């Protein structure tokens, strides 16, 4: 992994962490690994999109454009994107769960 990639991951990690800045420290400690993985995957997705912009997702015969072949990156992109979406969904569920619980507790206190 290059220094540039590590720097991008750190920047994305910080960005994601800032989205959960109002959460409790214990919650953040609980999901640090998920945030790190989400940052890695996001940078990987960005790199894949740069490659796709250069090469495309389908290779075809210039003499006969009907002869086409899907490039492996197109299948990989779908899998990596699904992993990223799953992690982001789980993060939002975990981090928002306690916020709803806190609101319920507050409403019970004032009844």
PDB file of N, CA and C in Angstrom:
ATOM      1  N   UNK A   1       0.864  -1.178   0.000  1.00  0.00           N
ATOM      2  CA  UNK A   1       0.000   0.000   0.000  1.00  0.00           C
ATOM      3  C   UNK A   1       0.904   1.233   0.000  1.00  0.00           C
ATOM      4  N   UNK A   2       0.635   2.133  -0.899  1.00  0.00           N
ATOM      5  CA  UNK A   2       1.470   3.322  -1.003  1.00  0.00           C
ATOM      6  C   UNK A   2       1.120   4.339   0.084  1.00  0.00           C
ATOM      7  N   UNK A   3       2.042   5.273   0.292  1.00  0.00           N
ATOM      8  CA  UNK A   3       1.786   6.334   1.275  1.00  0.00           C
ATOM      9  C   UNK A   3       0.578   7.168   0.875  1.00  0.00           C
ATOM     10  N   UNK A   4       0.447   7.397  -0.433  1.00  0.00           N
ATOM     11  CA  UNK A   4      -0.690   8.181  -0.935  1.00  0.00           C
ATOM     12  C   UNK A   4      -2.010   7.485  -0.608  1.00  0.00           C
ATOM     13  N   UNK A   5      -2.049   6.170  -0.796  1.00  0.00           N
ATOM     14  CA  UNK A   5      -3.256   5.399  -0.486  1.00  0.00           C
ATOM     15  C   UNK A   5      -3.551   5.444   1.009  1.00  0.00           C
ATOM     16  N   UNK A   6      -2.520   5.286   1.822  1.00  0.00           N
ATOM     17  CA  UNK A   6      -2.704   5.344   3.270  1.00  0.00           C
ATOM     18  C   UNK A   6      -3.239   6.715   3.696  1.00  0.00           C
ATOM     19  N   UNK A   7      -2.740   7.751   3.062  1.00  0.00           N
ATOM     20  CA  UNK A   7      -3.197   9.112   3.376  1.00  0.00           C
ATOM     21  C   UNK A   7      -4.662   9.299   2.976  1.00  0.00           C
ATOM     22  N   UNK A   8      -5.038   8.757   1.827  1.00  0.00           N
ATOM     23  CA  UNK A   8      -6.434   8.834   1.386  1.00  0.00           C
ATOM     24  C   UNK A   8      -7.355   8.095   2.352  1.00  0.00           C
ATOM     25  N   UNK A   9      -6.904   6.920   2.792  1.00  0.00           N
ATOM     26  CA  UNK A   9      -7.704   6.136   3.733  1.00  0.00           C
ATOM     27  C   UNK A   9      -7.865   6.893   5.041  1.00  0.00           C
ATOM     28  N   UNK A  10      -6.795   7.476   5.530  1.00  0.00           N
ATOM     29  CA  UNK A  10      -6.851   8.247   6.778  1.00  0.00           C
ATOM     30  C   UNK A  10      -7.811   9.422   6.644  1.00  0.00           C
ATOM     31  N   UNK A  11      -7.749  10.099   5.509  1.00  0.00           N
ATOM     32  CA  UNK A  11      -8.637  11.244   5.268  1.00  0.00           C
ATOM     33  C   UNK A  11     -10.098  10.794   5.232  1.00  0.00           C
ATOM     34  N   UNK A  12     -10.370   9.673   4.568  1.00  0.00           N
ATOM     35  CA  UNK A  12     -11.735   9.140   4.502  1.00  0.00           C
ATOM     36  C   UNK A  12     -12.193   8.664   5.876  1.00  0.00           C
ATOM     37  N   UNK A  13     -11.302   8.036   6.626  1.00  0.00           N
ATOM     38  CA  UNK A  13     -11.618   7.606   7.989  1.00  0.00           C
ATOM     39  C   UNK A  13     -12.026   8.816   8.830  1.00  0.00           C
ATOM     40  N   UNK A  14     -11.245   9.881   8.760  1.00  0.00           N
ATOM     41  CA  UNK A  14     -11.554  11.098   9.518  1.00  0.00           C
ATOM     42  C   UNK A  14     -12.896  11.690   9.092  1.00  0.00           C
ATOM     43  N   UNK A  15     -13.178  11.639   7.791  1.00  0.00           N
ATOM     44  CA  UNK A  15     -14.446  12.169   7.283  1.00  0.00           C
ATOM     45  C   UNK A  15     -15.616  11.347   7.845  1.00  0.00           C
ATOM     46  N   UNK A  16     -15.498  10.031   7.779  1.00  0.00           N
ATOM     47  CA  UNK A  16     -16.556   9.169   8.304  1.00  0.00           C
ATOM     48  C   UNK A  16     -16.717   9.354   9.812  1.00  0.00           C
ATOM     49  N   UNK A  17     -15.611   9.442  10.504  1.00  0.00           N
ATOM     50  CA  UNK A  17     -15.657   9.630  11.947  1.00  0.00           C
ATOM     51  C   UNK A  17     -16.357  10.934  12.310  1.00  0.00           C
ATOM     52  N   UNK A  18     -16.133  11.967  11.513  1.00  0.00           N
ATOM     53  CA  UNK A  18     -16.770  13.260  11.789  1.00  0.00           C
ATOM     54  C   UNK A  18     -18.288  13.184  11.633  1.00  0.00           C
ATOM     55  N   UNK A  19     -18.768  12.270  10.811  1.00  0.00           N
ATOM     56  CA  UNK A  19     -20.208  12.106  10.642  1.00  0.00           C
ATOM     57  C   UNK A  19     -20.871  11.577  11.909  1.00  0.00           C
ATOM     58  N   UNK A  20     -20.075  10.895  12.726  1.00  0.00           N
ATOM     59  CA  UNK A  20     -20.584  10.331  13.968  1.00  0.00           C
ATOM     60  C   UNK A  20     -20.044  11.080  15.182  1.00  0.00           C
ATOM     61  N   UNK A  21     -19.645  12.316  14.980  1.00  0.00           N
ATOM     62  CA  UNK A  21     -19.034  13.105  16.037  1.00  0.00           C
ATOM     63  C   UNK A  21     -19.902  13.312  17.256  1.00  0.00           C
ATOM     64  N   UNK A  22     -21.211  13.252  17.096  1.00  0.00           N
ATOM     65  CA  UNK A  22     -22.109  13.477  18.235  1.00  0.00           C
ATOM     66  C   UNK A  22     -22.416  12.186  19.002  1.00  0.00           C
ATOM     67  N   UNK A  23     -21.809  11.080  18.603  1.00  0.00           N
ATOM     68  CA  UNK A  23     -22.053   9.803  19.282  1.00  0.00           C
ATOM     69  C   UNK A  23     -21.105   9.634  20.462  1.00  0.00           C
ATOM     70  N   UNK A  24     -21.476   8.748  21.345  1.00  0.00           N
ATOM     71  CA  UNK A  24     -20.662   8.463  22.526  1.00  0.00           C
ATOM     72  C   UNK A  24     -19.340   7.808  22.123  1.00  0.00           C
ATOM     73  N   UNK A  25     -18.305   8.070  22.933  1.00  0.00           N
ATOM     74  CA  UNK A  25     -16.988   7.494  22.663  1.00  0.00           C
ATOM     75  C   UNK A  25     -17.027   5.969  22.649  1.00  0.00           C
ATOM     76  N   UNK A  26     -17.823   5.377  23.526  1.00  0.00           N
ATOM     77  CA  UNK A  26     -17.904   3.909  23.567  1.00  0.00           C
ATOM     78  C   UNK A  26     -18.514   3.349  22.293  1.00  0.00           C
ATOM     79  N   UNK A  27     -19.478   4.065  21.733  1.00  0.00           N
ATOM     80  CA  UNK A  27     -20.062   3.635  20.463  1.00  0.00           C
ATOM     81  C   UNK A  27     -19.010   3.687  19.363  1.00  0.00           C
ATOM     82  N   UNK A  28     -18.260   4.768  19.331  1.00  0.00           N
ATOM     83  CA  UNK A  28     -17.240   4.933  18.296  1.00  0.00           C
ATOM     84  C   UNK A  28     -16.166   3.866  18.435  1.00  0.00           C
ATOM     85  N   UNK A  29     -15.756   3.571  19.668  1.00  0.00           N
ATOM     86  CA  UNK A  29     -14.774   2.509  19.888  1.00  0.00           C
ATOM     87  C   UNK A  29     -15.303   1.174  19.375  1.00  0.00           C
ATOM     88  N   UNK A  30     -16.574   0.942  19.553  1.00  0.00           N
ATOM     89  CA  UNK A  30     -17.203  -0.298  19.113  1.00  0.00           C
ATOM     90  C   UNK A  30     -17.115  -0.478  17.602  1.00  0.00           C
ATOM     91  N   UNK A  31     -17.231   0.609  16.848  1.00  0.00           N
ATOM     92  CA  UNK A  31     -17.301   0.507  15.389  1.00  0.00           C
ATOM     93  C   UNK A  31     -16.050   1.012  14.677  1.00  0.00           C
ATOM     94  N   UNK A  32     -14.962   1.215  15.395  1.00  0.00           N
ATOM     95  CA  UNK A  32     -13.730   1.709  14.774  1.00  0.00           C
ATOM     96  C   UNK A  32     -13.293   0.820  13.612  1.00  0.00           C
ATOM     97  N   UNK A  33     -13.369  -0.494  13.808  1.00  0.00           N
ATOM     98  CA  UNK A  33     -12.984  -1.416  12.739  1.00  0.00           C
ATOM     99  C   UNK A  33     -13.858  -1.278  11.501  1.00  0.00           C
ATOM    100  N   UNK A  34     -15.157  -1.109  11.717  1.00  0.00           N
ATOM    101  CA  UNK A  34     -16.072  -0.919  10.583  1.00  0.00           C
ATOM    102  C   UNK A  34     -15.782   0.391   9.857  1.00  0.00           C
ATOM    103  N   UNK A  35     -15.494   1.436  10.608  1.00  0.00           N
ATOM    104  CA  UNK A  35     -15.183   2.726   9.983  1.00  0.00           C
ATOM    105  C   UNK A  35     -13.893   2.606   9.174  1.00  0.00           C
ATOM    106  N   UNK A  36     -12.897   1.928   9.730  1.00  0.00           N
ATOM    107  CA  UNK A  36     -11.633   1.725   9.011  1.00  0.00           C
ATOM    108  C   UNK A  36     -11.862   0.939   7.726  1.00  0.00           C
ATOM    109  N   UNK A  37     -12.640  -0.123   7.823  1.00  0.00           N
ATOM    110  CA  UNK A  37     -12.915  -0.939   6.634  1.00  0.00           C
ATOM    111  C   UNK A  37     -13.711  -0.152   5.592  1.00  0.00           C
ATOM    112  N   UNK A  38     -14.664   0.637   6.036  1.00  0.00           N
ATOM    113  CA  UNK A  38     -15.436   1.467   5.114  1.00  0.00           C
ATOM    114  C   UNK A  38     -14.517   2.455   4.393  1.00  0.00           C
ATOM    115  N   UNK A  39     -13.578   3.027   5.114  1.00  0.00           N
ATOM    116  CA  UNK A  39     -12.637   3.968   4.502  1.00  0.00           C
ATOM    117  C   UNK A  39     -11.775   3.262   3.450  1.00  0.00           C
ATOM    118  N   UNK A  40     -11.283   2.076   3.779  1.00  0.00           N
ATOM    119  CA  UNK A  40     -10.475   1.312   2.816  1.00  0.00           C
ATOM    120  C   UNK A  40     -11.270   0.989   1.557  1.00  0.00           C
ATOM    121  N   UNK A  41     -12.485   0.517   1.757  1.00  0.00           N
ATOM    122  CA  UNK A  41     -13.314   0.128   0.618  1.00  0.00           C
ATOM    123  C   UNK A  41     -13.660   1.344  -0.241  1.00  0.00           C
ATOM    124  N   UNK A  42     -13.939   2.476   0.390  1.00  0.00           N
ATOM    125  CA  UNK A  42     -14.269   3.697  -0.366  1.00  0.00           C
ATOM    126  C   UNK A  42     -13.110   4.088  -1.267  1.00  0.00           C
ATOM    127  N   UNK A  43     -11.890   4.038  -0.759  1.00  0.00           N
ATOM    128  CA  UNK A  43     -10.719   4.379  -1.569  1.00  0.00           C
ATOM    129  C   UNK A  43     -10.535   3.358  -2.689  1.00  0.00           C
ATOM    130  N   UNK A  44     -10.769   2.085  -2.384  1.00  0.00           N
ATOM    131  CA  UNK A  44     -10.691   1.043  -3.405  1.00  0.00           C
ATOM    132  C   UNK A  44     -11.722   1.290  -4.512  1.00  0.00           C
ATOM    133  N   UNK A  45     -12.924   1.667  -4.124  1.00  0.00           N
ATOM    134  CA  UNK A  45     -13.962   1.979  -5.117  1.00  0.00           C
ATOM    135  C   UNK A  45     -13.552   3.164  -5.984  1.00  0.00           C
ATOM    136  N   UNK A  46     -13.001   4.188  -5.368  1.00  0.00           N
ATOM    137  CA  UNK A  46     -12.539   5.350  -6.140  1.00  0.00           C
ATOM    138  C   UNK A  46     -11.481   4.938  -7.157  1.00  0.00           C
ATOM    139  N   UNK A  47     -10.528   4.096  -6.733  1.00  0.00           N
ATOM    140  CA  UNK A  47      -9.482   3.621  -7.639  1.00  0.00           C
ATOM    141  C   UNK A  47     -10.069   2.778  -8.771  1.00  0.00           C
ATOM    142  N   UNK A  48     -11.053   1.956  -8.430  1.00  0.00           N
ATOM    143  CA  UNK A  48     -11.695   1.133  -9.459  1.00  0.00           C
ATOM    144  C   UNK A  48     -12.407   2.000 -10.493  1.00  0.00           C
ATOM    145  N   UNK A  49     -13.042   3.061 -10.036  1.00  0.00           N
ATOM    146  CA  UNK A  49     -13.736   3.951 -10.968  1.00  0.00           C
ATOM    147  C   UNK A  49     -12.753   4.671 -11.887  1.00  0.00           C
ATOM    148  N   UNK A  50     -11.573   5.001 -11.386  1.00  0.00           N
ATOM    149  CA  UNK A  50     -10.545   5.595 -12.242  1.00  0.00           C
ATOM    150  C   UNK A  50     -10.101   4.607 -13.316  1.00  0.00           C
ATOM    151  N   UNK A  51      -9.936   3.352 -12.922  1.00  0.00           N
ATOM    152  CA  UNK A  51      -9.547   2.319 -13.877  1.00  0.00           C
ATOM    153  C   UNK A  51     -10.641   2.092 -14.918  1.00  0.00           C
ATOM    154  N   UNK A  52     -11.876   2.066 -14.464  1.00  0.00           N
ATOM    155  CA  UNK A  52     -12.995   1.885 -15.387  1.00  0.00           C
ATOM    156  C   UNK A  52     -13.092   3.057 -16.368  1.00  0.00           C
ATOM    157  N   UNK A  53     -12.799   4.245 -15.894  1.00  0.00           N
ATOM    158  CA  UNK A  53     -12.820   5.416 -16.784  1.00  0.00           C
ATOM    159  C   UNK A  53     -11.792   5.261 -17.899  1.00  0.00           C
ATOM    160  N   UNK A  54     -10.682   4.592 -17.611  1.00  0.00           N
ATOM    161  CA  UNK A  54      -9.635   4.385 -18.611  1.00  0.00           C
ATOM    162  C   UNK A  54      -9.934   3.201 -19.528  1.00  0.00           C
ATOM    163  N   UNK A  55     -10.418   2.097 -18.935  1.00  0.00           N
ATOM    164  CA  UNK A  55     -10.537   0.840 -19.682  1.00  0.00           C
ATOM    165  C   UNK A  55     -11.965   0.426 -20.013  1.00  0.00           C
ATOM    166  N   UNK A  56     -12.916   0.935 -19.256  1.00  0.00           N
ATOM    167  CA  UNK A  56     -14.295   0.508 -19.429  1.00  0.00           C
ATOM    168  C   UNK A  56     -14.575  -0.783 -18.692  1.00  0.00           C
ATOM    169  N   UNK A  57     -15.758  -1.303 -18.850  1.00  0.00           N
ATOM    170  CA  UNK A  57     -16.138  -2.559 -18.200  1.00  0.00           C
ATOM    171  C   UNK A  57     -16.365  -3.679 -19.212  1.00  0.00           C
ATOM    172  N   UNK A  58     -16.364  -3.322 -20.487  1.00  0.00           N
ATOM    173  CA  UNK A  58     -16.591  -4.309 -21.546  1.00  0.00           C
ATOM    174  C   UNK A  58     -15.509  -4.150 -22.607  1.00  0.00           C
ATOM    175  N   UNK A  59     -14.966  -5.278 -23.034  1.00  0.00           N
ATOM    176  CA  UNK A  59     -13.998  -5.288 -24.125  1.00  0.00           C
ATOM    177  C   UNK A  59     -14.723  -5.832 -25.354  1.00  0.00           C
ATOM    178  N   UNK A  60     -14.511  -5.205 -26.475  1.00  0.00           N
ATOM    179  CA  UNK A  60     -15.192  -5.679 -27.673  1.00  0.00           C
ATOM    180  C   UNK A  60     -14.225  -5.692 -28.849  1.00  0.00           C
ATOM    181  N   UNK A  61     -14.555  -6.509 -29.827  1.00  0.00           N
ATOM    182  CA  UNK A  61     -13.766  -6.646 -31.041  1.00  0.00           C
ATOM    183  C   UNK A  61     -14.078  -5.456 -31.940  1.00  0.00           C
ATOM    184  N   UNK A  62     -13.051  -4.703 -32.301  1.00  0.00           N
ATOM    185  CA  UNK A  62     -13.280  -3.500 -33.117  1.00  0.00           C
ATOM    186  C   UNK A  62     -13.801  -3.847 -34.512  1.00  0.00           C
ATOM    187  N   UNK A  63     -13.478  -5.028 -35.005  1.00  0.00           N
ATOM    188  CA  UNK A  63     -13.975  -5.445 -36.312  1.00  0.00           C
ATOM    189  C   UNK A  63     -15.430  -5.877 -36.244  1.00  0.00           C
ATOM    190  N   UNK A  64     -15.812  -6.443 -35.102  1.00  0.00           N
ATOM    191  CA  UNK A  64     -17.180  -6.895 -34.919  1.00  0.00           C
ATOM    192  C   UNK A  64     -17.624  -6.534 -33.493  1.00  0.00           C
ATOM    193  N   UNK A  65     -18.192  -5.343 -33.318  1.00  0.00           N
ATOM    194  CA  UNK A  65     -18.577  -4.890 -31.981  1.00  0.00           C
ATOM    195  C   UNK A  65     -19.592  -5.787 -31.264  1.00  0.00           C
ATOM    196  N   UNK A  66     -20.223  -6.701 -32.007  1.00  0.00           N
ATOM    197  CA  UNK A  66     -21.158  -7.617 -31.370  1.00  0.00           C
ATOM    198  C   UNK A  66     -20.434  -8.677 -30.526  1.00  0.00           C
ATOM    199  N   UNK A  67     -19.159  -8.890 -30.790  1.00  0.00           N
ATOM    200  CA  UNK A  67     -18.345  -9.790 -29.975  1.00  0.00           C
ATOM    201  C   UNK A  67     -17.815  -9.001 -28.788  1.00  0.00           C
ATOM    202  N   UNK A  68     -18.421  -9.244 -27.656  1.00  0.00           N
ATOM    203  CA  UNK A  68     -18.075  -8.486 -26.451  1.00  0.00           C
ATOM    204  C   UNK A  68     -17.703  -9.437 -25.324  1.00  0.00           C
ATOM    205  N   UNK A  69     -16.923  -8.882 -24.381  1.00  0.00           N
ATOM    206  CA  UNK A  69     -16.518  -9.651 -23.211  1.00  0.00           C
ATOM    207  C   UNK A  69     -16.527  -8.711 -22.006  1.00  0.00           C
ATOM    208  N   UNK A  70     -17.224  -9.141 -20.961  1.00  0.00           N
ATOM    209  CA  UNK A  70     -17.264  -8.352 -19.734  1.00  0.00           C
ATOM    210  C   UNK A  70     -15.918  -8.492 -19.021  1.00  0.00           C
ATOM    211  N   UNK A  71     -15.342  -7.380 -18.626  1.00  0.00           N
ATOM    212  CA  UNK A  71     -14.069  -7.406 -17.909  1.00  0.00           C
ATOM    213  C   UNK A  71     -14.300  -7.743 -16.435  1.00  0.00           C
ATOM    214  N   UNK A  72     -13.354  -8.423 -15.816  1.00  0.00           N
ATOM    215  CA  UNK A  72     -13.518  -8.833 -14.407  1.00  0.00           C
ATOM    216  C   UNK A  72     -13.814  -7.677 -13.452  1.00  0.00           C
ATOM    217  N   UNK A  73     -13.324  -6.501 -13.756  1.00  0.00           N
ATOM    218  CA  UNK A  73     -13.542  -5.379 -12.838  1.00  0.00           C
ATOM    219  C   UNK A  73     -15.023  -5.035 -12.694  1.00  0.00           C
ATOM    220  N   UNK A  74     -15.801  -5.286 -13.720  1.00  0.00           N
ATOM    221  CA  UNK A  74     -17.228  -4.956 -13.623  1.00  0.00           C
ATOM    222  C   UNK A  74     -17.921  -5.825 -12.577  1.00  0.00           C
ATOM    223  N   UNK A  75     -17.519  -7.087 -12.482  1.00  0.00           N
ATOM    224  CA  UNK A  75     -18.097  -7.976 -11.467  1.00  0.00           C
ATOM    225  C   UNK A  75     -17.546  -7.639 -10.082  1.00  0.00           C
ATOM    226  N   UNK A  76     -16.272  -7.335 -10.031  1.00  0.00           N
ATOM    227  CA  UNK A  76     -15.649  -6.982  -8.751  1.00  0.00           C
ATOM    228  C   UNK A  76     -16.254  -5.702  -8.197  1.00  0.00           C
ATOM    229  N   UNK A  77     -16.501  -4.735  -9.051  1.00  0.00           N
ATOM    230  CA  UNK A  77     -17.076  -3.464  -8.626  1.00  0.00           C
ATOM    231  C   UNK A  77     -18.413  -3.677  -7.928  1.00  0.00           C
ATOM    232  N   UNK A  78     -19.233  -4.544  -8.465  1.00  0.00           N
ATOM    233  CA  UNK A  78     -20.541  -4.823  -7.872  1.00  0.00           C
ATOM    234  C   UNK A  78     -20.378  -5.397  -6.468  1.00  0.00           C
ATOM    235  N   UNK A  79     -19.444  -6.327  -6.295  1.00  0.00           N
ATOM    236  CA  UNK A  79     -19.223  -6.953  -4.987  1.00  0.00           C
ATOM    237  C   UNK A  79     -18.668  -5.957  -3.973  1.00  0.00           C
ATOM    238  N   UNK A  80     -17.706  -5.160  -4.401  1.00  0.00           N
ATOM    239  CA  UNK A  80     -17.084  -4.197  -3.492  1.00  0.00           C
ATOM    240  C   UNK A  80     -18.091  -3.115  -3.107  1.00  0.00           C
ATOM    241  N   UNK A  81     -18.865  -2.680  -4.077  1.00  0.00           N
ATOM    242  CA  UNK A  81     -19.905  -1.669  -3.795  1.00  0.00           C
ATOM    243  C   UNK A  81     -20.928  -2.209  -2.801  1.00  0.00           C
ATOM    244  N   UNK A  82     -21.307  -3.465  -2.944  1.00  0.00           N
ATOM    245  CA  UNK A  82     -22.266  -4.076  -2.013  1.00  0.00           C
ATOM    246  C   UNK A  82     -21.670  -4.158  -0.605  1.00  0.00           C
ATOM    247  N   UNK A  83     -20.395  -4.488  -0.504  1.00  0.00           N
ATOM    248  CA  UNK A  83     -19.733  -4.537   0.811  1.00  0.00           C
ATOM    249  C   UNK A  83     -19.729  -3.161   1.459  1.00  0.00           C
ATOM    250  N   UNK A  84     -19.410  -2.147   0.678  1.00  0.00           N
ATOM    251  CA  UNK A  84     -19.374  -0.780   1.204  1.00  0.00           C
ATOM    252  C   UNK A  84     -20.770  -0.356   1.674  1.00  0.00           C
ATOM    253  N   UNK A  85     -21.758  -0.619   0.859  1.00  0.00           N
ATOM    254  CA  UNK A  85     -23.133  -0.254   1.225  1.00  0.00           C
ATOM    255  C   UNK A  85     -23.566  -0.963   2.498  1.00  0.00           C
ATOM    256  N   UNK A  86     -23.210  -2.230   2.617  1.00  0.00           N
ATOM    257  CA  UNK A  86     -23.561  -3.006   3.803  1.00  0.00           C
ATOM    258  C   UNK A  86     -22.901  -2.426   5.054  1.00  0.00           C
ATOM    259  N   UNK A  87     -21.631  -2.083   4.971  1.00  0.00           N
ATOM    260  CA  UNK A  87     -20.930  -1.523   6.128  1.00  0.00           C
ATOM    261  C   UNK A  87     -21.516  -0.170   6.506  1.00  0.00           C
ATOM    262  N   UNK A  88     -21.765   0.681   5.532  1.00  0.00           N
ATOM    263  CA  UNK A  88     -22.333   2.002   5.825  1.00  0.00           C
ATOM    264  C   UNK A  88     -23.720   1.853   6.447  1.00  0.00           C
ATOM    265  N   UNK A  89     -24.513   0.920   5.940  1.00  0.00           N
ATOM    266  CA  UNK A  89     -25.841   0.678   6.513  1.00  0.00           C
ATOM    267  C   UNK A  89     -25.716   0.222   7.968  1.00  0.00           C
ATOM    268  N   UNK A  90     -24.826  -0.725   8.212  1.00  0.00           N
ATOM    269  CA  UNK A  90     -24.631  -1.227   9.575  1.00  0.00           C
ATOM    270  C   UNK A  90     -24.138  -0.126  10.514  1.00  0.00           C
ATOM    271  N   UNK A  91     -23.218   0.691  10.025  1.00  0.00           N
ATOM    272  CA  UNK A  91     -22.736   1.810  10.846  1.00  0.00           C
ATOM    273  C   UNK A  91     -23.870   2.748  11.214  1.00  0.00           C
ATOM    274  N   UNK A  92     -24.677   3.092  10.241  1.00  0.00           N
ATOM    275  CA  UNK A  92     -25.774   4.022  10.529  1.00  0.00           C
ATOM    276  C   UNK A  92     -26.782   3.399  11.485  1.00  0.00           C
ATOM    277  N   UNK A  93     -27.012   2.093  11.358  1.00  0.00           N
ATOM    278  CA  UNK A  93     -27.930   1.416  12.274  1.00  0.00           C
ATOM    279  C   UNK A  93     -27.370   1.387  13.695  1.00  0.00           C
ATOM    280  N   UNK A  94     -26.111   1.030  13.819  1.00  0.00           N
ATOM    281  CA  UNK A  94     -25.489   0.952  15.146  1.00  0.00           C
ATOM    282  C   UNK A  94     -25.444   2.327  15.803  1.00  0.00           C
ATOM    283  N   UNK A  95     -25.035   3.319  15.050  1.00  0.00           N
ATOM    284  CA  UNK A  95     -24.849   4.642  15.631  1.00  0.00           C
ATOM    285  C   UNK A  95     -26.185   5.335  15.920  1.00  0.00           C
ATOM    286  N   UNK A  96     -27.189   5.065  15.146  1.00  0.00           N
ATOM    287  CA  UNK A  96     -28.487   5.702  15.377  1.00  0.00           C
ATOM    288  C   UNK A  96     -29.319   4.975  16.422  1.00  0.00           C
ATOM    289  N   UNK A  97     -29.019   3.710  16.680  1.00  0.00           N
ATOM    290  CA  UNK A  97     -29.809   2.932  17.628  1.00  0.00           C
ATOM    291  C   UNK A  97     -29.803   3.563  19.012  1.00  0.00           C
ATOM    292  N   UNK A  98     -28.647   3.956  19.494  1.00  0.00           N
ATOM    293  CA  UNK A  98     -28.569   4.551  20.829  1.00  0.00           C
ATOM    294  C   UNK A  98     -29.188   5.933  20.875  1.00  0.00           C
ATOM    295  N   UNK A  99     -29.166   6.631  19.781  1.00  0.00           N
ATOM    296  CA  UNK A  99     -29.796   7.947  19.743  1.00  0.00           C
ATOM    297  C   UNK A  99     -31.295   7.791  19.966  1.00  0.00           C
ATOM    298  N   UNK A 100     -31.921   6.799  19.326  1.00  0.00           N
ATOM    299  CA  UNK A 100     -33.350   6.548  19.518  1.00  0.00           C
ATOM    300  C   UNK A 100     -33.626   6.077  20.940  1.00  0.00           C
ATOM    301  N   UNK A 101     -32.749   5.220  21.473  1.00  0.00           N
ATOM    302  CA  UNK A 101     -32.913   4.745  22.848  1.00  0.00           C
ATOM    303  C   UNK A 101     -32.828   5.902  23.836  1.00  0.00           C
ATOM    304  N   UNK A 102     -31.888   6.818  23.608  1.00  0.00           N
ATOM    305  CA  UNK A 102     -31.745   7.983  24.484  1.00  0.00           C
ATOM    306  C   UNK A 102     -32.997   8.839  24.451  1.00  0.00           C
ATOM    307  N   UNK A 103     -33.551   9.003  23.261  1.00  0.00           N
ATOM    308  CA  UNK A 103     -34.764   9.819  23.132  1.00  0.00           C
ATOM    309  C   UNK A 103     -35.915   9.165  23.889  1.00  0.00           C
ATOM    310  N   UNK A 104     -36.021   7.836  23.827  1.00  0.00           N
ATOM    311  CA  UNK A 104     -37.074   7.131  24.568  1.00  0.00           C
ATOM    312  C   UNK A 104     -36.902   7.300  26.061  1.00  0.00           C
ATOM    313  N   UNK A 105     -35.669   7.178  26.528  1.00  0.00           N
ATOM    314  CA  UNK A 105     -35.403   7.341  27.959  1.00  0.00           C
ATOM    315  C   UNK A 105     -35.747   8.740  28.425  1.00  0.00           C
ATOM    316  N   UNK A 106     -35.407   9.736  27.611  1.00  0.00           N
ATOM    317  CA  UNK A 106     -35.725  11.123  27.986  1.00  0.00           C
ATOM    318  C   UNK A 106     -37.225  11.337  28.058  1.00  0.00           C
ATOM    319  N   UNK A 107     -37.943  10.773  27.097  1.00  0.00           N
ATOM    320  CA  UNK A 107     -39.392  10.970  27.096  1.00  0.00           C
ATOM    321  C   UNK A 107     -40.028  10.295  28.310  1.00  0.00           C
ATOM    322  N   UNK A 108     -39.488   9.152  28.741  1.00  0.00           N
ATOM    323  CA  UNK A 108     -40.004   8.469  29.935  1.00  0.00           C
ATOM    324  C   UNK A 108     -39.738   9.289  31.181  1.00  0.00           C
ATOM    325  N   UNK A 109     -38.590   9.974  31.230  1.00  0.00           N
ATOM    326  CA  UNK A 109     -38.236  10.780  32.396  1.00  0.00           C
ATOM    327  C   UNK A 109     -39.214  11.936  32.592  1.00  0.00           C
ATOM    328  N   UNK A 110     -39.711  12.463  31.473  1.00  0.00           N
ATOM    329  CA  UNK A 110     -40.579  13.646  31.555  1.00  0.00           C
ATOM    330  C   UNK A 110     -42.070  13.301  31.624  1.00  0.00           C
ATOM    331  N   UNK A 111     -42.395  12.021  31.688  1.00  0.00           N
ATOM    332  CA  UNK A 111     -43.805  11.620  31.772  1.00  0.00           C
ATOM    333  C   UNK A 111     -44.334  11.779  33.178  1.00  0.00           C
TER     334      UNK A 111
END
